Amino acid sequence: NWVNRNSDKMVGAKIEASHLPSFIPSVEVSTLSENAYSNYADHFIS
């Protein structure tokens, strides 16, 4: 359970990009919607 719960916590993570290290301003480009279930996962961005 503790491993599965950790993977589940990444669901909903936001992917942002910026020209500055402060991320002000930034643009949201994607959201992690899948649960990797403690395995390798690929998240594709368009």
All heavy atoms as atom14 arrays in JSON, in Angstrom:
{
  "sequence": "NWVNRNSDKMVGAKIEASHLPSFIPSVEVSTLSENAYSNYADHFIS",
  "atom14_mask": [
    [1, 1, 1, 1, 1, 1, 1, 1, 0, 0, 0, 0, 0, 0],
    [1, 1, 1, 1, 1, 1, 1, 1, 1, 1, 1, 1, 1, 1],
    [1, 1, 1, 1, 1, 1, 1, 0, 0, 0, 0, 0, 0, 0],
    [1, 1, 1, 1, 1, 1, 1, 1, 0, 0, 0, 0, 0, 0],
    [1, 1, 1, 1, 1, 1, 1, 1, 1, 1, 1, 0, 0, 0],
    [1, 1, 1, 1, 1, 1, 1, 1, 0, 0, 0, 0, 0, 0],
    [1, 1, 1, 1, 1, 1, 0, 0, 0, 0, 0, 0, 0, 0],
    [1, 1, 1, 1, 1, 1, 1, 1, 0, 0, 0, 0, 0, 0],
    [1, 1, 1, 1, 1, 1, 1, 1, 1, 0, 0, 0, 0, 0],
    [1, 1, 1, 1, 1, 1, 1, 1, 0, 0, 0, 0, 0, 0],
    [1, 1, 1, 1, 1, 1, 1, 0, 0, 0, 0, 0, 0, 0],
    [1, 1, 1, 1, 0, 0, 0, 0, 0, 0, 0, 0, 0, 0],
    [1, 1, 1, 1, 1, 0, 0, 0, 0, 0, 0, 0, 0, 0],
    [1, 1, 1, 1, 1, 1, 1, 1, 1, 0, 0, 0, 0, 0],
    [1, 1, 1, 1, 1, 1, 1, 1, 0, 0, 0, 0, 0, 0],
    [1, 1, 1, 1, 1, 1, 1, 1, 1, 0, 0, 0, 0, 0],
    [1, 1, 1, 1, 1, 0, 0, 0, 0, 0, 0, 0, 0, 0],
    [1, 1, 1, 1, 1, 1, 0, 0, 0, 0, 0, 0, 0, 0],
    [1, 1, 1, 1, 1, 1, 1, 1, 1, 1, 0, 0, 0, 0],
    [1, 1, 1, 1, 1, 1, 1, 1, 0, 0, 0, 0, 0, 0],
    [1, 1, 1, 1, 1, 1, 1, 0, 0, 0, 0, 0, 0, 0],
    [1, 1, 1, 1, 1, 1, 0, 0, 0, 0, 0, 0, 0, 0],
    [1, 1, 1, 1, 1, 1, 1, 1, 1, 1, 1, 0, 0, 0],
    [1, 1, 1, 1, 1, 1, 1, 1, 0, 0, 0, 0, 0, 0],
    [1, 1, 1, 1, 1, 1, 1, 0, 0, 0, 0, 0, 0, 0],
    [1, 1, 1, 1, 1, 1, 0, 0, 0, 0, 0, 0, 0, 0],
    [1, 1, 1, 1, 1, 1, 1, 0, 0, 0, 0, 0, 0, 0],
    [1, 1, 1, 1, 1, 1, 1, 1, 1, 0, 0, 0, 0, 0],
    [1, 1, 1, 1, 1, 1, 1, 0, 0, 0, 0, 0, 0, 0],
    [1, 1, 1, 1, 1, 1, 0, 0, 0, 0, 0, 0, 0, 0],
    [1, 1, 1, 1, 1, 1, 1, 0, 0, 0, 0, 0, 0, 0],
    [1, 1, 1, 1, 1, 1, 1, 1, 0, 0, 0, 0, 0, 0],
    [1, 1, 1, 1, 1, 1, 0, 0, 0, 0, 0, 0, 0, 0],
    [1, 1, 1, 1, 1, 1, 1, 1, 1, 0, 0, 0, 0, 0],
    [1, 1, 1, 1, 1, 1, 1, 1, 0, 0, 0, 0, 0, 0],
    [1, 1, 1, 1, 1, 0, 0, 0, 0, 0, 0, 0, 0, 0],
    [1, 1, 1, 1, 1, 1, 1, 1, 1, 1, 1, 1, 0, 0],
    [1, 1, 1, 1, 1, 1, 0, 0, 0, 0, 0, 0, 0, 0],
    [1, 1, 1, 1, 1, 1, 1, 1, 0, 0, 0, 0, 0, 0],
    [1, 1, 1, 1, 1, 1, 1, 1, 1, 1, 1, 1, 0, 0],
    [1, 1, 1, 1, 1, 0, 0, 0, 0, 0, 0, 0, 0, 0],
    [1, 1, 1, 1, 1, 1, 1, 1, 0, 0, 0, 0, 0, 0],
    [1, 1, 1, 1, 1, 1, 1, 1, 1, 1, 0, 0, 0, 0],
    [1, 1, 1, 1, 1, 1, 1, 1, 1, 1, 1, 0, 0, 0],
    [1, 1, 1, 1, 1, 1, 1, 1, 0, 0, 0, 0, 0, 0],
    [1, 1, 1, 1, 1, 1, 0, 0, 0, 0, 0, 0, 0, 0]
  ],
  "atom14_positions": [
    [[0.8, -1.23, 0.0], [0.0, 0.0, 0.0], [0.83, 1.27, 0.0], [0.51, 2.24, -0.7], [-0.95, 0.0, 1.2], [-2.1, -0.97, 1.04], [-2.46, -1.3, -0.08], [-2.66, -1.43, 2.15], [0.0, 0.0, 0.0], [0.0, 0.0, 0.0], [0.0, 0.0, 0.0], [0.0, 0.0, 0.0], [0.0, 0.0, 0.0], [0.0, 0.0, 0.0]],
    [[1.92, 1.32, 0.77], [2.67, 2.57, 0.87], [3.36, 2.91, -0.45], [3.53, 4.09, -0.78], [3.68, 2.51, 2.01], [4.77, 1.47, 1.87], [4.72, 0.18, 2.29], [6.06, 1.66, 1.29], [5.9, -0.47, 1.99], [6.73, 0.42, 1.4], [6.71, 2.74, 0.71], [8.04, 0.24, 0.93], [8.01, 2.56, 0.24], [8.66, 1.33, 0.35]],
    [[3.74, 1.91, -1.24], [4.33, 2.17, -2.55], [3.24, 2.64, -3.52], [3.43, 3.59, -4.28], [5.04, 0.91, -3.1], [5.53, 1.14, -4.53], [6.21, 0.54, -2.21], [0.0, 0.0, 0.0], [0.0, 0.0, 0.0], [0.0, 0.0, 0.0], [0.0, 0.0, 0.0], [0.0, 0.0, 0.0], [0.0, 0.0, 0.0], [0.0, 0.0, 0.0]],
    [[2.09, 1.98, -3.47], [0.99, 2.35, -4.36], [0.49, 3.76, -4.05], [0.2, 4.54, -4.96], [-0.15, 1.34, -4.21], [-1.27, 1.59, -5.21], [-1.02, 1.9, -6.37], [-2.5, 1.46, -4.76], [0.0, 0.0, 0.0], [0.0, 0.0, 0.0], [0.0, 0.0, 0.0], [0.0, 0.0, 0.0], [0.0, 0.0, 0.0], [0.0, 0.0, 0.0]],
    [[0.41, 4.1, -2.78], [-0.06, 5.45, -2.4], [0.9, 6.51, -2.92], [0.47, 7.6, -3.35], [-0.2, 5.56, -0.88], [-1.42, 4.84, -0.31], [-1.71, 5.31, 1.1], [-0.59, 5.04, 2.0], [-0.47, 3.93, 2.71], [-1.38, 2.98, 2.63], [0.56, 3.77, 3.52], [0.0, 0.0, 0.0], [0.0, 0.0, 0.0], [0.0, 0.0, 0.0]],
    [[2.19, 6.22, -2.91], [3.16, 7.19, -3.41], [2.95, 7.45, -4.9], [2.96, 8.6, -5.35], [4.58, 6.68, -3.17], [5.63, 7.69, -3.58], [5.98, 8.6, -2.84], [6.14, 7.55, -4.81], [0.0, 0.0, 0.0], [0.0, 0.0, 0.0], [0.0, 0.0, 0.0], [0.0, 0.0, 0.0], [0.0, 0.0, 0.0], [0.0, 0.0, 0.0]],
    [[2.74, 6.4, -5.69], [2.5, 6.57, -7.12], [1.23, 7.37, -7.36], [1.18, 8.22, -8.26], [2.4, 5.2, -7.8], [3.61, 4.5, -7.73], [0.0, 0.0, 0.0], [0.0, 0.0, 0.0], [0.0, 0.0, 0.0], [0.0, 0.0, 0.0], [0.0, 0.0, 0.0], [0.0, 0.0, 0.0], [0.0, 0.0, 0.0], [0.0, 0.0, 0.0]],
    [[0.22, 7.1, -6.56], [-1.07, 7.78, -6.73], [-0.95, 9.29, -6.48], [-1.69, 10.09, -7.06], [-2.09, 7.15, -5.78], [-3.5, 7.63, -6.04], [-3.96, 7.52, -7.19], [-4.14, 8.14, -5.1], [0.0, 0.0, 0.0], [0.0, 0.0, 0.0], [0.0, 0.0, 0.0], [0.0, 0.0, 0.0], [0.0, 0.0, 0.0], [0.0, 0.0, 0.0]],
    [[0.01, 9.68, -5.64], [0.17, 11.1, -5.31], [0.69, 11.92, -6.48], [0.6, 13.15, -6.47], [1.11, 11.25, -4.11], [0.51, 10.78, -2.79], [1.52, 10.87, -1.67], [0.96, 10.34, -0.36], [1.95, 10.38, 0.74], [0.0, 0.0, 0.0], [0.0, 0.0, 0.0], [0.0, 0.0, 0.0], [0.0, 0.0, 0.0], [0.0, 0.0, 0.0]],
    [[1.25, 11.26, -7.49], [1.76, 12.01, -8.65], [0.65, 12.32, -9.65], [0.84, 13.17, -10.53], [2.88, 11.23, -9.34], [4.16, 11.15, -8.53], [5.57, 10.6, -9.49], [5.83, 12.0, -10.59], [0.0, 0.0, 0.0], [0.0, 0.0, 0.0], [0.0, 0.0, 0.0], [0.0, 0.0, 0.0], [0.0, 0.0, 0.0], [0.0, 0.0, 0.0]],
    [[-0.48, 11.65, -9.52], [-1.6, 11.93, -10.42], [-2.11, 13.35, -10.17], [-2.39, 13.73, -9.03], [-2.74, 10.91, -10.23], [-3.92, 11.26, -11.11], [-2.24, 9.51, -10.52], [0.0, 0.0, 0.0], [0.0, 0.0, 0.0], [0.0, 0.0, 0.0], [0.0, 0.0, 0.0], [0.0, 0.0, 0.0], [0.0, 0.0, 0.0], [0.0, 0.0, 0.0]],
    [[-2.2, 14.14, -11.22], [-2.62, 15.53, -11.09], [-1.47, 16.51, -11.07], [-1.69, 17.73, -11.02], [0.0, 0.0, 0.0], [0.0, 0.0, 0.0], [0.0, 0.0, 0.0], [0.0, 0.0, 0.0], [0.0, 0.0, 0.0], [0.0, 0.0, 0.0], [0.0, 0.0, 0.0], [0.0, 0.0, 0.0], [0.0, 0.0, 0.0], [0.0, 0.0, 0.0]],
    [[-0.23, 16.03, -11.1], [0.93, 16.92, -11.13], [0.92, 17.77, -12.4], [0.61, 17.27, -13.48], [2.21, 16.11, -11.04], [0.0, 0.0, 0.0], [0.0, 0.0, 0.0], [0.0, 0.0, 0.0], [0.0, 0.0, 0.0], [0.0, 0.0, 0.0], [0.0, 0.0, 0.0], [0.0, 0.0, 0.0], [0.0, 0.0, 0.0], [0.0, 0.0, 0.0]],
    [[1.25, 19.03, -12.27], [1.23, 19.97, -13.39], [2.63, 20.11, -14.0], [3.62, 20.19, -13.26], [0.75, 21.35, -12.94], [-0.6, 21.37, -12.25], [-1.74, 20.98, -13.19], [-3.09, 21.1, -12.5], [-4.2, 20.67, -13.38], [0.0, 0.0, 0.0], [0.0, 0.0, 0.0], [0.0, 0.0, 0.0], [0.0, 0.0, 0.0], [0.0, 0.0, 0.0]],
    [[2.71, 20.14, -15.31], [3.96, 20.38, -16.01], [3.95, 21.83, -16.47], [3.04, 22.26, -17.2], [4.12, 19.45, -17.23], [3.79, 18.0, -16.86], [5.52, 19.59, -17.82], [4.68, 17.41, -15.81], [0.0, 0.0, 0.0], [0.0, 0.0, 0.0], [0.0, 0.0, 0.0], [0.0, 0.0, 0.0], [0.0, 0.0, 0.0], [0.0, 0.0, 0.0]],
    [[4.94, 22.6, -16.05], [5.04, 24.0, -16.42], [6.4, 24.3, -17.05], [7.38, 23.59, -16.8], [4.84, 24.9, -15.21], [3.42, 24.89, -14.65], [3.23, 25.91, -13.54], [4.23, 26.49, -13.07], [2.08, 26.13, -13.15], [0.0, 0.0, 0.0], [0.0, 0.0, 0.0], [0.0, 0.0, 0.0], [0.0, 0.0, 0.0], [0.0, 0.0, 0.0]],
    [[6.43, 25.35, -17.86], [7.66, 25.77, -18.51], [7.8, 27.29, -18.38], [6.81, 28.01, -18.24], [7.66, 25.36, -19.98], [0.0, 0.0, 0.0], [0.0, 0.0, 0.0], [0.0, 0.0, 0.0], [0.0, 0.0, 0.0], [0.0, 0.0, 0.0], [0.0, 0.0, 0.0], [0.0, 0.0, 0.0], [0.0, 0.0, 0.0], [0.0, 0.0, 0.0]],
    [[9.06, 27.75, -18.42], [9.3, 29.18, -18.28], [10.66, 29.54, -18.89], [11.53, 28.69, -19.07], [9.27, 29.58, -16.8], [9.51, 30.96, -16.65], [0.0, 0.0, 0.0], [0.0, 0.0, 0.0], [0.0, 0.0, 0.0], [0.0, 0.0, 0.0], [0.0, 0.0, 0.0], [0.0, 0.0, 0.0], [0.0, 0.0, 0.0], [0.0, 0.0, 0.0]],
    [[10.82, 30.83, -19.16], [12.11, 31.35, -19.6], [12.97, 31.79, -18.42], [14.14, 32.13, -18.59], [11.91, 32.54, -20.55], [11.21, 32.17, -21.82], [11.75, 31.29, -22.74], [10.03, 32.57, -22.35], [10.92, 31.15, -23.77], [9.87, 31.91, -23.55], [0.0, 0.0, 0.0], [0.0, 0.0, 0.0], [0.0, 0.0, 0.0], [0.0, 0.0, 0.0]],
    [[12.38, 31.78, -17.21], [13.07, 32.24, -16.02], [13.05, 31.18, -14.92], [12.06, 30.45, -14.77], [12.42, 33.52, -15.49], [12.43, 34.73, -16.45], [11.57, 35.85, -15.88], [13.85, 35.2, -16.69], [0.0, 0.0, 0.0], [0.0, 0.0, 0.0], [0.0, 0.0, 0.0], [0.0, 0.0, 0.0], [0.0, 0.0, 0.0], [0.0, 0.0, 0.0]],
    [[14.11, 31.07, -14.12], [14.15, 30.04, -13.07], [13.13, 30.26, -11.97], [12.81, 29.34, -11.22], [15.58, 30.14, -12.54], [16.03, 31.53, -12.89], [15.36, 31.85, -14.19], [0.0, 0.0, 0.0], [0.0, 0.0, 0.0], [0.0, 0.0, 0.0], [0.0, 0.0, 0.0], [0.0, 0.0, 0.0], [0.0, 0.0, 0.0], [0.0, 0.0, 0.0]],
    [[12.61, 31.49, -11.85], [11.58, 31.77, -10.85], [10.21, 31.24, -11.28], [9.28, 31.18, -10.47], [11.48, 33.27, -10.61], [11.05, 33.93, -11.81], [0.0, 0.0, 0.0], [0.0, 0.0, 0.0], [0.0, 0.0, 0.0], [0.0, 0.0, 0.0], [0.0, 0.0, 0.0], [0.0, 0.0, 0.0], [0.0, 0.0, 0.0], [0.0, 0.0, 0.0]],
    [[10.09, 30.9, -12.56], [8.82, 30.47, -13.16], [7.76, 31.56, -13.04], [6.57, 31.28, -12.91], [8.34, 29.15, -12.56], [9.14, 27.97, -13.06], [10.29, 27.55, -12.41], [8.74, 27.28, -14.21], [11.03, 26.5, -12.88], [9.47, 26.22, -14.69], [10.63, 25.82, -14.04], [0.0, 0.0, 0.0], [0.0, 0.0, 0.0], [0.0, 0.0, 0.0]],
    [[8.2, 32.8, -13.08], [7.3, 33.95, -13.12], [7.7, 34.8, -14.32], [8.76, 35.44, -14.29], [7.37, 34.78, -11.84], [7.02, 33.93, -10.62], [6.43, 35.98, -11.92], [7.21, 34.64, -9.3], [0.0, 0.0, 0.0], [0.0, 0.0, 0.0], [0.0, 0.0, 0.0], [0.0, 0.0, 0.0], [0.0, 0.0, 0.0], [0.0, 0.0, 0.0]],
    [[6.92, 34.78, -15.39], [5.7, 33.98, -15.57], [6.03, 32.56, -16.03], [7.18, 32.25, -16.36], [4.96, 34.76, -16.67], [6.09, 35.29, -17.52], [7.19, 35.65, -16.55], [0.0, 0.0, 0.0], [0.0, 0.0, 0.0], [0.0, 0.0, 0.0], [0.0, 0.0, 0.0], [0.0, 0.0, 0.0], [0.0, 0.0, 0.0], [0.0, 0.0, 0.0]],
    [[5.01, 31.72, -16.08], [5.17, 30.35, -16.57], [3.94, 29.97, -17.37], [2.91, 30.63, -17.3], [5.37, 29.38, -15.4], [4.21, 29.34, -14.58], [0.0, 0.0, 0.0], [0.0, 0.0, 0.0], [0.0, 0.0, 0.0], [0.0, 0.0, 0.0], [0.0, 0.0, 0.0], [0.0, 0.0, 0.0], [0.0, 0.0, 0.0], [0.0, 0.0, 0.0]],
    [[4.06, 28.88, -18.12], [2.93, 28.38, -18.89], [2.7, 26.93, -18.52], [3.64, 26.14, -18.39], [3.18, 28.53, -20.41], [4.44, 27.79, -20.84], [1.98, 28.04, -21.21], [0.0, 0.0, 0.0], [0.0, 0.0, 0.0], [0.0, 0.0, 0.0], [0.0, 0.0, 0.0], [0.0, 0.0, 0.0], [0.0, 0.0, 0.0], [0.0, 0.0, 0.0]],
    [[1.46, 26.58, -18.26], [1.11, 25.19, -17.96], [0.93, 24.44, -19.28], [0.13, 24.84, -20.11], [-0.17, 25.12, -17.13], [-0.55, 23.7, -16.73], [-1.82, 23.67, -15.89], [-1.96, 24.54, -14.99], [-2.67, 22.8, -16.16], [0.0, 0.0, 0.0], [0.0, 0.0, 0.0], [0.0, 0.0, 0.0], [0.0, 0.0, 0.0], [0.0, 0.0, 0.0]],
    [[1.68, 23.36, -19.45], [1.66, 22.65, -20.73], [0.97, 21.29, -20.67], [0.53, 20.76, -21.69], [3.08, 22.48, -21.3], [3.72, 23.82, -21.55], [3.94, 21.65, -20.37], [0.0, 0.0, 0.0], [0.0, 0.0, 0.0], [0.0, 0.0, 0.0], [0.0, 0.0, 0.0], [0.0, 0.0, 0.0], [0.0, 0.0, 0.0], [0.0, 0.0, 0.0]],
    [[0.86, 20.71, -19.47], [0.26, 19.37, -19.39], [0.0, 19.0, -17.93], [0.44, 19.7, -17.0], [1.18, 18.34, -20.05], [0.53, 17.09, -20.18], [0.0, 0.0, 0.0], [0.0, 0.0, 0.0], [0.0, 0.0, 0.0], [0.0, 0.0, 0.0], [0.0, 0.0, 0.0], [0.0, 0.0, 0.0], [0.0, 0.0, 0.0], [0.0, 0.0, 0.0]],
    [[-0.71, 17.87, -17.75], [-1.01, 17.34, -16.41], [-0.84, 15.83, -16.42], [-1.29, 15.16, -17.35], [-2.46, 17.67, -15.99], [-2.64, 19.09, -16.01], [-2.75, 17.14, -14.6], [0.0, 0.0, 0.0], [0.0, 0.0, 0.0], [0.0, 0.0, 0.0], [0.0, 0.0, 0.0], [0.0, 0.0, 0.0], [0.0, 0.0, 0.0], [0.0, 0.0, 0.0]],
    [[-0.17, 15.31, -15.4], [-0.04, 13.85, -15.28], [-1.4, 13.28, -14.85], [-1.9, 13.6, -13.78], [1.01, 13.48, -14.23], [2.48, 13.84, -14.54], [3.37, 13.35, -13.41], [2.92, 13.24, -15.86], [0.0, 0.0, 0.0], [0.0, 0.0, 0.0], [0.0, 0.0, 0.0], [0.0, 0.0, 0.0], [0.0, 0.0, 0.0], [0.0, 0.0, 0.0]],
    [[-1.96, 12.44, -15.7], [-3.28, 11.89, -15.39], [-3.24, 10.39, -15.12], [-4.23, 9.81, -14.7], [-4.24, 12.15, -16.56], [-3.74, 11.57, -17.76], [0.0, 0.0, 0.0], [0.0, 0.0, 0.0], [0.0, 0.0, 0.0], [0.0, 0.0, 0.0], [0.0, 0.0, 0.0], [0.0, 0.0, 0.0], [0.0, 0.0, 0.0], [0.0, 0.0, 0.0]],
    [[-2.07, 9.76, -15.34], [-1.99, 8.31, -15.18], [-1.26, 7.94, -13.88], [-0.43, 8.69, -13.39], [-1.25, 7.68, -16.37], [0.18, 8.14, -16.55], [0.34, 9.41, -17.36], [-0.68, 10.05, -17.68], [1.5, 9.78, -17.66], [0.0, 0.0, 0.0], [0.0, 0.0, 0.0], [0.0, 0.0, 0.0], [0.0, 0.0, 0.0], [0.0, 0.0, 0.0]],
    [[-1.63, 6.79, -13.33], [-0.95, 6.24, -12.17], [0.08, 5.24, -12.67], [-0.26, 4.28, -13.35], [-1.94, 5.56, -11.23], [-1.32, 5.15, -9.91], [-0.14, 4.79, -9.82], [-2.12, 5.18, -8.85], [0.0, 0.0, 0.0], [0.0, 0.0, 0.0], [0.0, 0.0, 0.0], [0.0, 0.0, 0.0], [0.0, 0.0, 0.0], [0.0, 0.0, 0.0]],
    [[1.35, 5.46, -12.35], [2.42, 4.6, -12.85], [2.53, 3.29, -12.08], [3.22, 2.37, -12.52], [3.75, 5.33, -12.78], [0.0, 0.0, 0.0], [0.0, 0.0, 0.0], [0.0, 0.0, 0.0], [0.0, 0.0, 0.0], [0.0, 0.0, 0.0], [0.0, 0.0, 0.0], [0.0, 0.0, 0.0], [0.0, 0.0, 0.0], [0.0, 0.0, 0.0]],
    [[1.85, 3.18, -10.93], [1.89, 1.96, -10.11], [3.32, 1.48, -9.88], [3.65, 0.32, -10.09], [1.04, 0.87, -10.74], [-0.43, 1.21, -10.77], [-1.06, 1.57, -11.96], [-1.19, 1.21, -9.6], [-2.41, 1.91, -11.99], [-2.53, 1.55, -9.62], [-3.13, 1.9, -10.82], [-4.47, 2.25, -10.84], [0.0, 0.0, 0.0], [0.0, 0.0, 0.0]],
    [[4.18, 2.38, -9.47], [5.57, 2.13, -9.09], [6.41, 1.59, -10.24], [7.47, 1.03, -10.01], [5.66, 1.17, -7.88], [5.57, -0.18, -8.26], [0.0, 0.0, 0.0], [0.0, 0.0, 0.0], [0.0, 0.0, 0.0], [0.0, 0.0, 0.0], [0.0, 0.0, 0.0], [0.0, 0.0, 0.0], [0.0, 0.0, 0.0], [0.0, 0.0, 0.0]],
    [[5.96, 1.8, -11.48], [6.72, 1.35, -12.64], [7.13, 2.56, -13.47], [6.63, 3.66, -13.28], [5.88, 0.4, -13.49], [6.73, -0.64, -14.21], [7.93, -0.46, -14.37], [6.1, -1.71, -14.64], [0.0, 0.0, 0.0], [0.0, 0.0, 0.0], [0.0, 0.0, 0.0], [0.0, 0.0, 0.0], [0.0, 0.0, 0.0], [0.0, 0.0, 0.0]],
    [[8.04, 2.35, -14.41], [8.41, 3.42, -15.33], [7.19, 3.85, -16.14], [6.37, 3.03, -16.53], [9.5, 2.95, -16.28], [10.9, 2.97, -15.7], [11.54, 1.8, -15.35], [11.58, 4.18, -15.53], [12.83, 1.81, -14.82], [12.86, 4.2, -15.01], [13.49, 3.03, -14.66], [14.76, 3.04, -14.14], [0.0, 0.0, 0.0], [0.0, 0.0, 0.0]],
    [[7.09, 5.14, -16.39], [5.98, 5.66, -17.17], [6.49, 6.76, -18.09], [7.48, 7.45, -17.8], [4.89, 6.2, -16.26], [0.0, 0.0, 0.0], [0.0, 0.0, 0.0], [0.0, 0.0, 0.0], [0.0, 0.0, 0.0], [0.0, 0.0, 0.0], [0.0, 0.0, 0.0], [0.0, 0.0, 0.0], [0.0, 0.0, 0.0], [0.0, 0.0, 0.0]],
    [[5.82, 6.93, -19.22], [6.11, 8.0, -20.17], [4.91, 8.92, -20.24], [3.79, 8.46, -20.45], [6.41, 7.43, -21.56], [7.77, 6.77, -21.63], [8.78, 7.45, -21.4], [7.83, 5.55, -21.91], [0.0, 0.0, 0.0], [0.0, 0.0, 0.0], [0.0, 0.0, 0.0], [0.0, 0.0, 0.0], [0.0, 0.0, 0.0], [0.0, 0.0, 0.0]],
    [[5.16, 10.2, -20.09], [4.11, 11.2, -20.25], [4.47, 12.05, -21.46], [5.53, 12.69, -21.5], [4.0, 12.08, -19.0], [2.92, 13.11, -19.11], [1.58, 12.81, -18.98], [2.97, 14.45, -19.37], [0.86, 13.89, -19.14], [1.67, 14.91, -19.39], [0.0, 0.0, 0.0], [0.0, 0.0, 0.0], [0.0, 0.0, 0.0], [0.0, 0.0, 0.0]],
    [[3.6, 12.04, -22.47], [3.87, 12.73, -23.72], [3.27, 14.14, -23.7], [2.16, 14.35, -23.19], [3.33, 11.93, -24.9], [4.03, 10.61, -25.08], [3.57, 9.46, -24.45], [5.17, 10.53, -25.85], [4.23, 8.24, -24.61], [5.85, 9.33, -26.01], [5.37, 8.19, -25.39], [0.0, 0.0, 0.0], [0.0, 0.0, 0.0], [0.0, 0.0, 0.0]],
    [[4.0, 15.07, -24.28], [3.61, 16.49, -24.28], [3.56, 16.99, -25.72], [4.49, 16.78, -26.49], [4.63, 17.33, -23.48], [4.63, 16.91, -22.0], [4.31, 18.81, -23.59], [5.69, 17.56, -21.18], [0.0, 0.0, 0.0], [0.0, 0.0, 0.0], [0.0, 0.0, 0.0], [0.0, 0.0, 0.0], [0.0, 0.0, 0.0], [0.0, 0.0, 0.0]],
    [[2.46, 17.62, -26.08], [2.34, 18.21, -27.41], [2.36, 19.73, -27.27], [1.31, 20.4, -27.28], [1.04, 17.75, -28.09], [-0.09, 18.05, -27.29], [0.0, 0.0, 0.0], [0.0, 0.0, 0.0], [0.0, 0.0, 0.0], [0.0, 0.0, 0.0], [0.0, 0.0, 0.0], [0.0, 0.0, 0.0], [0.0, 0.0, 0.0], [0.0, 0.0, 0.0]]
  ]
}
